[in-house]
Amino acid sequence: MDAIIMPEWEYRYFSFNSNWDGKQGEMIVSMRNGSDGEYFINFNDAGVTGKVLFEESVSDVSVSLSLVPNSFSSFKNEAAFSIANASFFLGEKVARLLGLHRQKT
């Protein structure tokens, strides 16, 4: 619905891209609330990972980001996600516990 109401991505509250990498291999879900709160969740064949920002960033983002598997290198290096500003990163194990992992078909 957000995409219909607001075609420009940067002004949307919620967003979903089913072909983030252009090869049908990655999907992105995002939310930005306009008050510096946001999340970006990346789904690929390796599983799921994400970045969440609320209130304040972790003190050492590089340490937290090192816990995200290298199979998500495109996510870890994507400038659009403002990786340096994160409260925490959602790793595959946490995502499985929360039921957010994508089932392979």
Foldseek 3Di string as FASTA:
>chain_A
DQCVVPVDPVPGQWDKDCCVPVPSFKIWIKGDDPPFWMKIWMAGPVKIKMFTADDFADPDLVVQVVPADCVCVVVCPDVVRVSVTGNHMGHRVNCVVVVNIDDDD
